[in-house]
Amino acid sequence: MQRYYNLSDEQCEFQIKVCFSFMDFLDIKLNNKVPNEKYYLDI
C-alpha cells in the first residue's frame, strides 16, 4: 500500500491510524497498536 499510494513511512503510519480502509486491509482493529514508521528498520 505504501508503494501503491507513494507514501513515506511517516505518512503510511498516519494513514493506518486514521483511515478505516487501511485498517481493514491490514486487519487492524481500532484498539490495536500500530507499529511506528521505524519498526521494520529495527528488526
Protein backbone atom coordinates (compact mmCIF):
# COMPACT_ATOMS: atom_id res chain seq x y z
CA MET A 1 0.00 0.00 0.00
CA GLN A 2 2.89 2.29 0.72
CA ARG A 3 4.22 1.90 -2.81
CA TYR A 4 0.78 1.99 -4.40
CA TYR A 5 -0.07 5.33 -2.78
CA ASN A 6 3.53 6.59 -2.87
CA LEU A 7 3.62 7.25 0.89
CA SER A 8 6.59 7.88 3.11
CA ASP A 9 6.98 5.75 6.24
CA GLU A 10 5.52 8.52 8.38
CA GLN A 11 2.60 9.08 6.02
CA CYS A 12 1.86 5.37 5.90
CA GLU A 13 1.81 5.11 9.69
CA PHE A 14 -0.55 8.09 9.88
CA GLN A 15 -2.91 6.67 7.25
CA ILE A 16 -3.06 3.32 9.02
CA LYS A 17 -4.05 5.12 12.22
CA VAL A 18 -6.77 7.30 10.68
CA CYS A 19 -8.06 5.51 7.59
CA PHE A 20 -10.53 2.68 8.11
CA SER A 21 -9.86 1.18 4.68
CA PHE A 22 -6.15 0.82 5.53
CA MET A 23 -7.03 -0.74 8.89
CA ASP A 24 -9.46 -3.12 7.28
CA PHE A 25 -6.96 -4.17 4.61
CA LEU A 26 -4.32 -4.85 7.27
CA ASP A 27 -6.86 -6.47 9.62
CA ILE A 28 -6.04 -3.99 12.37
CA LYS A 29 -8.74 -3.17 14.90
CA LEU A 30 -9.21 0.25 16.48
CA ASN A 31 -7.78 -0.89 19.80
CA ASN A 32 -4.67 -2.49 18.25
CA LYS A 33 -1.37 -0.68 18.41
CA VAL A 34 0.04 0.33 15.03
CA PRO A 35 3.81 -0.17 14.63
CA ASN A 36 5.66 3.11 14.17
CA GLU A 37 7.41 4.02 10.93
CA LYS A 38 10.79 2.76 12.17
CA TYR A 39 9.50 -0.66 13.28
CA TYR A 40 10.70 -2.61 10.24
CA LEU A 41 14.08 -0.90 10.25
CA ASP A 42 14.68 -2.06 13.82
CA ILE A 43 14.07 -5.75 13.14
